Amino acid sequence: QVQLVESGGGLVQPGGSLRLSCAASRSIFTFYSMGWYRQAPGEQRELVATISSGGTKNYADSVKGRFTISRDNAKNTVYLQMNSLKSEDTAVYYCNARPSVYSAPEWGQGAQVTVSS
């Protein structure tokens, strides 16, 4: 089991930037994948971006070219750099970890991101 703690959310104007961090309670070096999902009010949780243990990245079409996922294995942390934010990016963002391909996903508590003028 792994505990995940997100930070870095907040209120930002359209066109602005935020960086989310997800700190894991143990080493993520061998984790099958880590990622970010989001859930807007009244909507289902959706994938934003994932990164594999080998560094392969996957993005939702809606964030390609604007968001960048990265991982720092030495700090047991995954980041989501969000640029050119839009109002439709407003949601609670959840960190996700899968220690192995056979593991059930683990979730953080979520970080609110609000994009508004």
C-alpha atoms as a PDB file:
ATOM      1  CA  GLN A   1       0.000   0.000   0.000  1.00  0.00           C
ATOM      2  CA  VAL A   2       1.143   3.546  -0.665  1.00  0.00           C
ATOM      3  CA  GLN A   3      -0.116   6.890   0.607  1.00  0.00           C
ATOM      4  CA  LEU A   4      -0.283   9.767  -1.859  1.00  0.00           C
ATOM      5  CA  VAL A   5      -0.455  13.450  -0.924  1.00  0.00           C
ATOM      6  CA  GLU A   6      -1.240  16.077  -3.542  1.00  0.00           C
ATOM      7  CA  SER A   7      -0.306  19.751  -3.253  1.00  0.00           C
ATOM      8  CA  GLY A   8      -0.123  22.836  -5.433  1.00  0.00           C
ATOM      9  CA  GLY A   9      -3.760  23.389  -6.286  1.00  0.00           C
ATOM     10  CA  GLY A  10      -5.458  26.748  -6.110  1.00  0.00           C
ATOM     11  CA  LEU A  11      -7.158  29.564  -7.989  1.00  0.00           C
ATOM     12  CA  VAL A  12      -5.619  30.841 -11.215  1.00  0.00           C
ATOM     13  CA  GLN A  13      -6.769  33.089 -14.024  1.00  0.00           C
ATOM     14  CA  PRO A  14      -7.362  31.737 -17.530  1.00  0.00           C
ATOM     15  CA  GLY A  15      -4.059  31.470 -19.357  1.00  0.00           C
ATOM     16  CA  GLY A  16      -2.150  31.008 -16.124  1.00  0.00           C
ATOM     17  CA  SER A  17      -0.063  28.121 -14.834  1.00  0.00           C
ATOM     18  CA  LEU A  18       0.017  25.793 -11.841  1.00  0.00           C
ATOM     19  CA  ARG A  19       2.182  22.850 -10.857  1.00  0.00           C
ATOM     20  CA  LEU A  20       0.695  19.972  -8.906  1.00  0.00           C
ATOM     21  CA  SER A  21       2.873  17.647  -6.853  1.00  0.00           C
ATOM     22  CA  CYS A  22       2.107  14.157  -5.598  1.00  0.00           C
ATOM     23  CA  ALA A  23       4.371  12.815  -2.868  1.00  0.00           C
ATOM     24  CA  ALA A  24       4.333   9.066  -2.257  1.00  0.00           C
ATOM     25  CA  SER A  25       5.018   7.420   1.099  1.00  0.00           C
ATOM     26  CA  ARG A  26       7.527   4.971  -0.383  1.00  0.00           C
ATOM     27  CA  SER A  27       9.783   4.530  -3.374  1.00  0.00           C
ATOM     28  CA  ILE A  28       8.081   4.844  -6.744  1.00  0.00           C
ATOM     29  CA  PHE A  29      11.134   3.726  -8.730  1.00  0.00           C
ATOM     30  CA  THR A  30       9.611   0.409  -9.771  1.00  0.00           C
ATOM     31  CA  PHE A  31       5.991   1.518  -9.926  1.00  0.00           C
ATOM     32  CA  TYR A  32       4.227   0.307 -13.083  1.00  0.00           C
ATOM     33  CA  SER A  33       2.639   3.706 -13.582  1.00  0.00           C
ATOM     34  CA  MET A  34       1.649   6.924 -11.923  1.00  0.00           C
ATOM     35  CA  GLY A  35      -0.798   9.487 -13.147  1.00  0.00           C
ATOM     36  CA  TRP A  36      -3.223  12.302 -12.709  1.00  0.00           C
ATOM     37  CA  TYR A  37      -6.987  12.176 -13.069  1.00  0.00           C
ATOM     38  CA  ARG A  38      -9.577  14.890 -12.572  1.00  0.00           C
ATOM     39  CA  GLN A  39     -13.231  15.168 -11.707  1.00  0.00           C
ATOM     40  CA  ALA A  40     -15.363  18.215 -12.358  1.00  0.00           C
ATOM     41  CA  PRO A  41     -18.681  18.751 -10.541  1.00  0.00           C
ATOM     42  CA  GLY A  42     -21.336  16.449 -11.940  1.00  0.00           C
ATOM     43  CA  GLU A  43     -18.839  14.657 -14.166  1.00  0.00           C
ATOM     44  CA  GLN A  44     -17.055  11.311 -14.057  1.00  0.00           C
ATOM     45  CA  ARG A  45     -13.416  11.080 -13.121  1.00  0.00           C
ATOM     46  CA  GLU A  46     -11.266  11.229 -16.248  1.00  0.00           C
ATOM     47  CA  LEU A  47      -7.658  10.536 -17.119  1.00  0.00           C
ATOM     48  CA  VAL A  48      -5.405  13.578 -17.511  1.00  0.00           C
ATOM     49  CA  ALA A  49      -1.931  12.064 -17.874  1.00  0.00           C
ATOM     50  CA  THR A  50       0.072   8.979 -16.947  1.00  0.00           C
ATOM     51  CA  ILE A  51       3.750   8.119 -16.866  1.00  0.00           C
ATOM     52  CA  SER A  52       5.182   4.613 -16.813  1.00  0.00           C
ATOM     53  CA  SER A  53       8.219   3.310 -14.957  1.00  0.00           C
ATOM     54  CA  GLY A  54      10.117   3.587 -18.237  1.00  0.00           C
ATOM     55  CA  GLY A  55       9.074   7.206 -18.698  1.00  0.00           C
ATOM     56  CA  THR A  56       6.423   6.700 -21.379  1.00  0.00           C
ATOM     57  CA  LYS A  57       3.822   9.463 -21.127  1.00  0.00           C
ATOM     58  CA  ASN A  58       0.181   9.467 -22.107  1.00  0.00           C
ATOM     59  CA  TYR A  59      -2.102  12.494 -22.205  1.00  0.00           C
ATOM     60  CA  ALA A  60      -5.780  13.196 -22.682  1.00  0.00           C
ATOM     61  CA  ASP A  61      -6.388  14.999 -25.977  1.00  0.00           C
ATOM     62  CA  SER A  62      -7.828  17.972 -24.100  1.00  0.00           C
ATOM     63  CA  VAL A  63      -4.517  18.713 -22.334  1.00  0.00           C
ATOM     64  CA  LYS A  64      -1.933  17.757 -24.968  1.00  0.00           C
ATOM     65  CA  GLY A  65       0.525  20.567 -25.566  1.00  0.00           C
ATOM     66  CA  ARG A  66      -0.501  22.355 -22.367  1.00  0.00           C
ATOM     67  CA  PHE A  67       0.175  19.879 -19.532  1.00  0.00           C
ATOM     68  CA  THR A  68       3.359  17.972 -18.777  1.00  0.00           C
ATOM     69  CA  ILE A  69       3.688  15.018 -16.414  1.00  0.00           C
ATOM     70  CA  SER A  70       7.036  14.115 -14.879  1.00  0.00           C
ATOM     71  CA  ARG A  71       8.393  11.982 -12.075  1.00  0.00           C
ATOM     72  CA  ASP A  72      11.344  12.375  -9.717  1.00  0.00           C
ATOM     73  CA  ASN A  73      12.121   8.921  -8.376  1.00  0.00           C
ATOM     74  CA  ALA A  74      14.685  10.281  -5.917  1.00  0.00           C
ATOM     75  CA  LYS A  75      11.962  12.379  -4.269  1.00  0.00           C
ATOM     76  CA  ASN A  76       9.175   9.810  -4.695  1.00  0.00           C
ATOM     77  CA  THR A  77       7.176  12.563  -6.368  1.00  0.00           C
ATOM     78  CA  VAL A  78       5.163  13.001  -9.541  1.00  0.00           C
ATOM     79  CA  TYR A  79       4.389  16.414 -10.978  1.00  0.00           C
ATOM     80  CA  LEU A  80       1.809  17.878 -13.322  1.00  0.00           C
ATOM     81  CA  GLN A  81       2.826  21.175 -14.895  1.00  0.00           C
ATOM     82  CA  MET A  82      -0.291  22.885 -16.219  1.00  0.00           C
ATOM     83  CA  ASN A  83       0.077  25.828 -18.612  1.00  0.00           C
ATOM     84  CA  SER A  84      -2.424  27.871 -20.616  1.00  0.00           C
ATOM     85  CA  LEU A  85      -5.157  26.893 -18.191  1.00  0.00           C
ATOM     86  CA  LYS A  86      -8.779  27.154 -19.268  1.00  0.00           C
ATOM     87  CA  SER A  87     -11.996  27.382 -17.290  1.00  0.00           C
ATOM     88  CA  GLU A  88     -12.823  23.844 -18.384  1.00  0.00           C
ATOM     89  CA  ASP A  89      -9.731  22.609 -16.529  1.00  0.00           C
ATOM     90  CA  THR A  90     -11.488  23.425 -13.250  1.00  0.00           C
ATOM     91  CA  ALA A  91     -11.769  20.193 -11.265  1.00  0.00           C
ATOM     92  CA  VAL A  92     -10.442  18.211  -8.350  1.00  0.00           C
ATOM     93  CA  TYR A  93      -7.198  16.602  -9.475  1.00  0.00           C
ATOM     94  CA  TYR A  94      -6.297  13.175  -8.081  1.00  0.00           C
ATOM     95  CA  CYS A  95      -2.941  11.462  -8.049  1.00  0.00           C
ATOM     96  CA  ASN A  96      -2.971   7.772  -8.952  1.00  0.00           C
ATOM     97  CA  ALA A  97      -0.382   5.056  -8.452  1.00  0.00           C
ATOM     98  CA  ARG A  98      -0.173   1.454  -9.642  1.00  0.00           C
ATOM     99  CA  PRO A  99       2.778  -0.307  -8.024  1.00  0.00           C
ATOM    100  CA  SER A 100       2.476  -3.193 -10.477  1.00  0.00           C
ATOM    101  CA  VAL A 101       0.367  -4.165 -13.464  1.00  0.00           C
ATOM    102  CA  TYR A 102      -1.557  -6.455 -11.118  1.00  0.00           C
ATOM    103  CA  SER A 103      -2.151  -3.798  -8.450  1.00  0.00           C
ATOM    104  CA  ALA A 104      -5.378  -2.007  -7.791  1.00  0.00           C
ATOM    105  CA  PRO A 105      -4.855   1.732  -8.166  1.00  0.00           C
ATOM    106  CA  GLU A 106      -4.141   3.859  -5.106  1.00  0.00           C
ATOM    107  CA  TRP A 107      -5.526   7.398  -4.891  1.00  0.00           C
ATOM    108  CA  GLY A 108      -4.631  10.630  -3.165  1.00  0.00           C
ATOM    109  CA  GLN A 109      -7.148  12.873  -1.439  1.00  0.00           C
ATOM    110  CA  GLY A 110      -7.360  15.319  -4.335  1.00  0.00           C
ATOM    111  CA  ALA A 111      -6.364  18.925  -4.995  1.00  0.00           C
ATOM    112  CA  GLN A 112      -8.805  21.591  -6.141  1.00  0.00           C
ATOM    113  CA  VAL A 113      -7.858  23.563  -9.240  1.00  0.00           C
ATOM    114  CA  THR A 114     -10.086  26.509 -10.131  1.00  0.00           C
ATOM    115  CA  VAL A 115      -9.540  28.515 -13.295  1.00  0.00           C
ATOM    116  CA  SER A 116     -11.520  31.723 -13.183  1.00  0.00           C
ATOM    117  CA  SER A 117     -11.164  35.430 -13.757  1.00  0.00           C
END
